[in-house]
Amino acid sequence: MSEHGFNPGDPFGFFAQMWKNTASGAPNPFMPPLTEEEIDRKLAELKTVEQWLTMQVNLLQMTEKTLELQKAGLAALRQGLEPHEGGHGG
């Protein structure tokens, strides 16, 4: 075990040490205390990311629909170019 209590042979040692520190009143490095202004800023950032992701999903769906229409158009074109069975008979 190292001087900081981390043992590479124990994959959960880091988390155990983190929870011990949290329980003892030490600040959690993954969730620092936030002020109301910081929370508002983080919410605004998250909403911006959400809007960007929504736009990306919409673009992806539009691309899918465009490719489906192209596929259907190619299938219709191929069907129109195929010779018809039976001919004019005679």
N, C-alpha and C. Protein backbone atom coordinates (compact mmCIF):
# COMPACT_ATOMS: atom_id res chain seq x y z
N MET A 1 0.86 -1.18 0.00
CA MET A 1 0.00 0.00 0.00
C MET A 1 0.89 1.23 0.00
N SER A 2 0.52 2.27 -0.74
CA SER A 2 1.34 3.47 -0.82
C SER A 2 1.05 4.38 0.36
N GLU A 3 1.78 5.49 0.40
CA GLU A 3 1.62 6.43 1.50
C GLU A 3 0.26 7.11 1.50
N HIS A 4 -0.44 7.11 0.35
CA HIS A 4 -1.75 7.77 0.25
C HIS A 4 -2.89 6.79 0.44
N GLY A 5 -2.59 5.53 0.74
CA GLY A 5 -3.64 4.57 0.98
C GLY A 5 -4.17 3.91 -0.28
N PHE A 6 -3.47 4.09 -1.41
CA PHE A 6 -3.92 3.48 -2.66
C PHE A 6 -3.15 2.20 -2.90
N ASN A 7 -3.87 1.12 -3.14
CA ASN A 7 -3.26 -0.17 -3.43
C ASN A 7 -3.70 -0.58 -4.83
N PRO A 8 -2.78 -0.69 -5.79
CA PRO A 8 -3.18 -1.06 -7.15
C PRO A 8 -3.84 -2.43 -7.23
N GLY A 9 -3.58 -3.28 -6.26
CA GLY A 9 -4.20 -4.61 -6.24
C GLY A 9 -5.65 -4.56 -5.80
N ASP A 10 -6.08 -3.45 -5.23
CA ASP A 10 -7.46 -3.30 -4.76
C ASP A 10 -8.17 -2.28 -5.64
N PRO A 11 -8.95 -2.74 -6.63
CA PRO A 11 -9.57 -1.79 -7.56
C PRO A 11 -10.59 -0.86 -6.90
N PHE A 12 -11.12 -1.24 -5.77
CA PHE A 12 -12.12 -0.41 -5.10
C PHE A 12 -11.53 0.41 -3.96
N GLY A 13 -10.23 0.30 -3.76
CA GLY A 13 -9.58 1.03 -2.67
C GLY A 13 -9.71 2.53 -2.80
N PHE A 14 -9.58 3.03 -4.02
CA PHE A 14 -9.69 4.47 -4.24
C PHE A 14 -11.06 4.97 -3.82
N PHE A 15 -12.12 4.23 -4.23
CA PHE A 15 -13.48 4.65 -3.88
C PHE A 15 -13.74 4.52 -2.38
N ALA A 16 -13.21 3.47 -1.79
CA ALA A 16 -13.37 3.30 -0.34
C ALA A 16 -12.74 4.47 0.39
N GLN A 17 -11.52 4.87 -0.04
CA GLN A 17 -10.85 6.00 0.58
C GLN A 17 -11.64 7.29 0.37
N MET A 18 -12.20 7.46 -0.82
CA MET A 18 -12.99 8.66 -1.11
C MET A 18 -14.21 8.74 -0.19
N TRP A 19 -14.91 7.60 0.00
CA TRP A 19 -16.08 7.60 0.86
C TRP A 19 -15.70 7.84 2.31
N LYS A 20 -14.54 7.34 2.73
CA LYS A 20 -14.07 7.60 4.10
C LYS A 20 -13.85 9.09 4.29
N ASN A 21 -13.21 9.72 3.29
CA ASN A 21 -12.97 11.16 3.37
C ASN A 21 -14.27 11.94 3.40
N THR A 22 -15.25 11.51 2.62
CA THR A 22 -16.54 12.18 2.59
C THR A 22 -17.25 12.04 3.93
N ALA A 23 -17.19 10.85 4.49
CA ALA A 23 -17.85 10.60 5.77
C ALA A 23 -17.19 11.38 6.90
N SER A 24 -15.89 11.64 6.76
CA SER A 24 -15.18 12.36 7.82
C SER A 24 -15.36 13.86 7.71
N GLY A 25 -16.11 14.31 6.71
CA GLY A 25 -16.37 15.73 6.56
C GLY A 25 -15.49 16.42 5.55
N ALA A 26 -14.56 15.71 4.95
CA ALA A 26 -13.72 16.30 3.90
C ALA A 26 -14.58 16.56 2.67
N PRO A 27 -14.29 17.61 1.91
CA PRO A 27 -15.09 17.90 0.72
C PRO A 27 -14.94 16.80 -0.33
N ASN A 28 -16.03 16.53 -1.01
CA ASN A 28 -16.04 15.52 -2.06
C ASN A 28 -15.45 16.15 -3.33
N PRO A 29 -14.38 15.57 -3.88
CA PRO A 29 -13.77 16.18 -5.07
C PRO A 29 -14.65 16.11 -6.30
N PHE A 30 -15.63 15.22 -6.31
CA PHE A 30 -16.51 15.08 -7.47
C PHE A 30 -17.74 15.97 -7.38
N MET A 31 -18.05 16.49 -6.23
CA MET A 31 -19.21 17.35 -6.06
C MET A 31 -18.87 18.45 -5.07
N PRO A 32 -18.14 19.49 -5.58
CA PRO A 32 -17.79 20.58 -4.67
C PRO A 32 -19.04 21.36 -4.27
N PRO A 33 -18.98 22.05 -3.15
CA PRO A 33 -20.15 22.85 -2.75
C PRO A 33 -20.40 23.95 -3.78
N LEU A 34 -21.67 24.17 -4.10
CA LEU A 34 -22.03 25.13 -5.14
C LEU A 34 -22.84 26.28 -4.56
N THR A 35 -22.63 27.45 -5.14
CA THR A 35 -23.46 28.60 -4.79
C THR A 35 -24.64 28.62 -5.75
N GLU A 36 -25.61 29.46 -5.44
CA GLU A 36 -26.79 29.56 -6.32
C GLU A 36 -26.39 30.03 -7.71
N GLU A 37 -25.42 30.95 -7.79
CA GLU A 37 -24.95 31.45 -9.09
C GLU A 37 -24.29 30.33 -9.89
N GLU A 38 -23.48 29.49 -9.21
CA GLU A 38 -22.83 28.38 -9.90
C GLU A 38 -23.86 27.37 -10.41
N ILE A 39 -24.88 27.13 -9.62
CA ILE A 39 -25.94 26.20 -10.03
C ILE A 39 -26.67 26.76 -11.25
N ASP A 40 -27.00 28.06 -11.23
CA ASP A 40 -27.66 28.68 -12.38
C ASP A 40 -26.79 28.60 -13.63
N ARG A 41 -25.48 28.83 -13.47
CA ARG A 41 -24.55 28.75 -14.60
C ARG A 41 -24.50 27.34 -15.15
N LYS A 42 -24.42 26.35 -14.26
CA LYS A 42 -24.37 24.95 -14.70
C LYS A 42 -25.67 24.55 -15.39
N LEU A 43 -26.81 25.00 -14.86
CA LEU A 43 -28.09 24.71 -15.51
C LEU A 43 -28.15 25.30 -16.90
N ALA A 44 -27.66 26.54 -17.06
CA ALA A 44 -27.64 27.18 -18.38
C ALA A 44 -26.74 26.41 -19.33
N GLU A 45 -25.59 25.96 -18.84
CA GLU A 45 -24.68 25.17 -19.67
C GLU A 45 -25.35 23.87 -20.10
N LEU A 46 -26.01 23.20 -19.17
CA LEU A 46 -26.67 21.93 -19.49
C LEU A 46 -27.79 22.12 -20.50
N LYS A 47 -28.55 23.22 -20.37
CA LYS A 47 -29.62 23.49 -21.32
C LYS A 47 -29.05 23.77 -22.71
N THR A 48 -27.91 24.45 -22.77
CA THR A 48 -27.26 24.69 -24.05
C THR A 48 -26.82 23.37 -24.69
N VAL A 49 -26.23 22.51 -23.90
CA VAL A 49 -25.81 21.19 -24.40
C VAL A 49 -27.03 20.39 -24.85
N GLU A 50 -28.11 20.45 -24.08
CA GLU A 50 -29.33 19.73 -24.44
C GLU A 50 -29.86 20.23 -25.78
N GLN A 51 -29.87 21.55 -25.98
CA GLN A 51 -30.35 22.10 -27.25
C GLN A 51 -29.47 21.66 -28.41
N TRP A 52 -28.16 21.64 -28.20
CA TRP A 52 -27.24 21.20 -29.25
C TRP A 52 -27.47 19.73 -29.58
N LEU A 53 -27.63 18.90 -28.54
CA LEU A 53 -27.88 17.48 -28.77
C LEU A 53 -29.20 17.25 -29.49
N THR A 54 -30.23 18.01 -29.13
CA THR A 54 -31.53 17.91 -29.80
C THR A 54 -31.38 18.26 -31.27
N MET A 55 -30.61 19.30 -31.57
CA MET A 55 -30.39 19.69 -32.95
C MET A 55 -29.66 18.57 -33.70
N GLN A 56 -28.68 17.96 -33.06
CA GLN A 56 -27.94 16.87 -33.70
C GLN A 56 -28.84 15.67 -33.97
N VAL A 57 -29.73 15.35 -33.03
CA VAL A 57 -30.66 14.24 -33.22
C VAL A 57 -31.59 14.55 -34.40
N ASN A 58 -32.08 15.79 -34.47
CA ASN A 58 -32.95 16.18 -35.57
C ASN A 58 -32.23 16.08 -36.92
N LEU A 59 -30.96 16.50 -36.97
CA LEU A 59 -30.18 16.38 -38.20
C LEU A 59 -29.97 14.92 -38.57
N LEU A 60 -29.71 14.10 -37.58
CA LEU A 60 -29.53 12.67 -37.83
C LEU A 60 -30.81 12.04 -38.38
N GLN A 61 -31.95 12.39 -37.79
CA GLN A 61 -33.23 11.86 -38.27
C GLN A 61 -33.52 12.33 -39.69
N MET A 62 -33.19 13.58 -39.99
CA MET A 62 -33.41 14.10 -41.34
C MET A 62 -32.51 13.38 -42.34
N THR A 63 -31.28 13.10 -41.96
CA THR A 63 -30.36 12.37 -42.82
C THR A 63 -30.88 10.96 -43.08
N GLU A 64 -31.39 10.31 -42.03
CA GLU A 64 -31.97 8.97 -42.19
C GLU A 64 -33.12 8.99 -43.19
N LYS A 65 -34.03 9.94 -43.03
CA LYS A 65 -35.20 10.04 -43.91
C LYS A 65 -34.76 10.31 -45.35
N THR A 66 -33.76 11.17 -45.52
CA THR A 66 -33.25 11.46 -46.86
C THR A 66 -32.69 10.20 -47.51
N LEU A 67 -31.91 9.43 -46.75
CA LEU A 67 -31.35 8.19 -47.29
C LEU A 67 -32.44 7.18 -47.61
N GLU A 68 -33.48 7.11 -46.78
CA GLU A 68 -34.60 6.20 -47.05
C GLU A 68 -35.31 6.60 -48.34
N LEU A 69 -35.49 7.93 -48.54
CA LEU A 69 -36.13 8.40 -49.78
C LEU A 69 -35.25 8.11 -50.99
N GLN A 70 -33.94 8.28 -50.85
CA GLN A 70 -33.04 7.96 -51.95
C GLN A 70 -33.10 6.47 -52.29
N LYS A 71 -33.14 5.64 -51.27
CA LYS A 71 -33.22 4.19 -51.48
C LYS A 71 -34.51 3.83 -52.20
N ALA A 72 -35.63 4.42 -51.76
CA ALA A 72 -36.92 4.15 -52.40
C ALA A 72 -36.91 4.66 -53.85
N GLY A 73 -36.29 5.81 -54.08
CA GLY A 73 -36.21 6.34 -55.44
C GLY A 73 -35.38 5.44 -56.34
N LEU A 74 -34.27 4.93 -55.83
CA LEU A 74 -33.45 4.01 -56.63
C LEU A 74 -34.20 2.72 -56.92
N ALA A 75 -34.93 2.21 -55.94
CA ALA A 75 -35.71 0.98 -56.15
C ALA A 75 -36.77 1.21 -57.22
N ALA A 76 -37.43 2.36 -57.17
CA ALA A 76 -38.46 2.66 -58.17
C ALA A 76 -37.84 2.82 -59.55
N LEU A 77 -36.66 3.43 -59.62
CA LEU A 77 -35.98 3.61 -60.90
C LEU A 77 -35.57 2.25 -61.48
N ARG A 78 -35.03 1.39 -60.64
CA ARG A 78 -34.64 0.04 -61.10
C ARG A 78 -35.86 -0.73 -61.59
N GLN A 79 -36.96 -0.62 -60.85
CA GLN A 79 -38.18 -1.34 -61.23
C GLN A 79 -38.69 -0.83 -62.57
N GLY A 80 -38.59 0.46 -62.82
CA GLY A 80 -39.05 1.02 -64.08
C GLY A 80 -38.16 0.65 -65.25
N LEU A 81 -36.89 0.35 -64.98
CA LEU A 81 -35.96 0.00 -66.06
C LEU A 81 -35.94 -1.49 -66.37
N GLU A 82 -36.47 -2.32 -65.48
CA GLU A 82 -36.47 -3.76 -65.71
C GLU A 82 -37.41 -4.09 -66.86
N PRO A 83 -36.99 -5.04 -67.71
CA PRO A 83 -37.90 -5.47 -68.80
C PRO A 83 -39.09 -6.21 -68.20
N HIS A 84 -40.24 -5.97 -68.79
CA HIS A 84 -41.48 -6.61 -68.29
C HIS A 84 -41.57 -8.02 -68.82
N GLU A 85 -41.97 -8.92 -67.98
CA GLU A 85 -42.14 -10.33 -68.35
C GLU A 85 -43.36 -10.47 -69.29
N GLY A 86 -43.29 -11.39 -70.22
CA GLY A 86 -44.45 -11.69 -71.07
C GLY A 86 -44.45 -10.92 -72.38
N GLY A 87 -43.89 -9.78 -72.43
CA GLY A 87 -43.83 -9.02 -73.67
C GLY A 87 -45.20 -8.71 -74.23
N HIS A 88 -45.28 -8.57 -75.58
CA HIS A 88 -46.53 -8.24 -76.25
C HIS A 88 -47.26 -9.47 -76.75
N GLY A 89 -46.71 -10.64 -76.55
CA GLY A 89 -47.38 -11.90 -76.91
C GLY A 89 -47.74 -11.99 -78.39
N GLY A 90 -47.83 -13.15 -78.88
CA GLY A 90 -48.20 -13.18 -80.28
C GLY A 90 -48.16 -14.46 -80.92
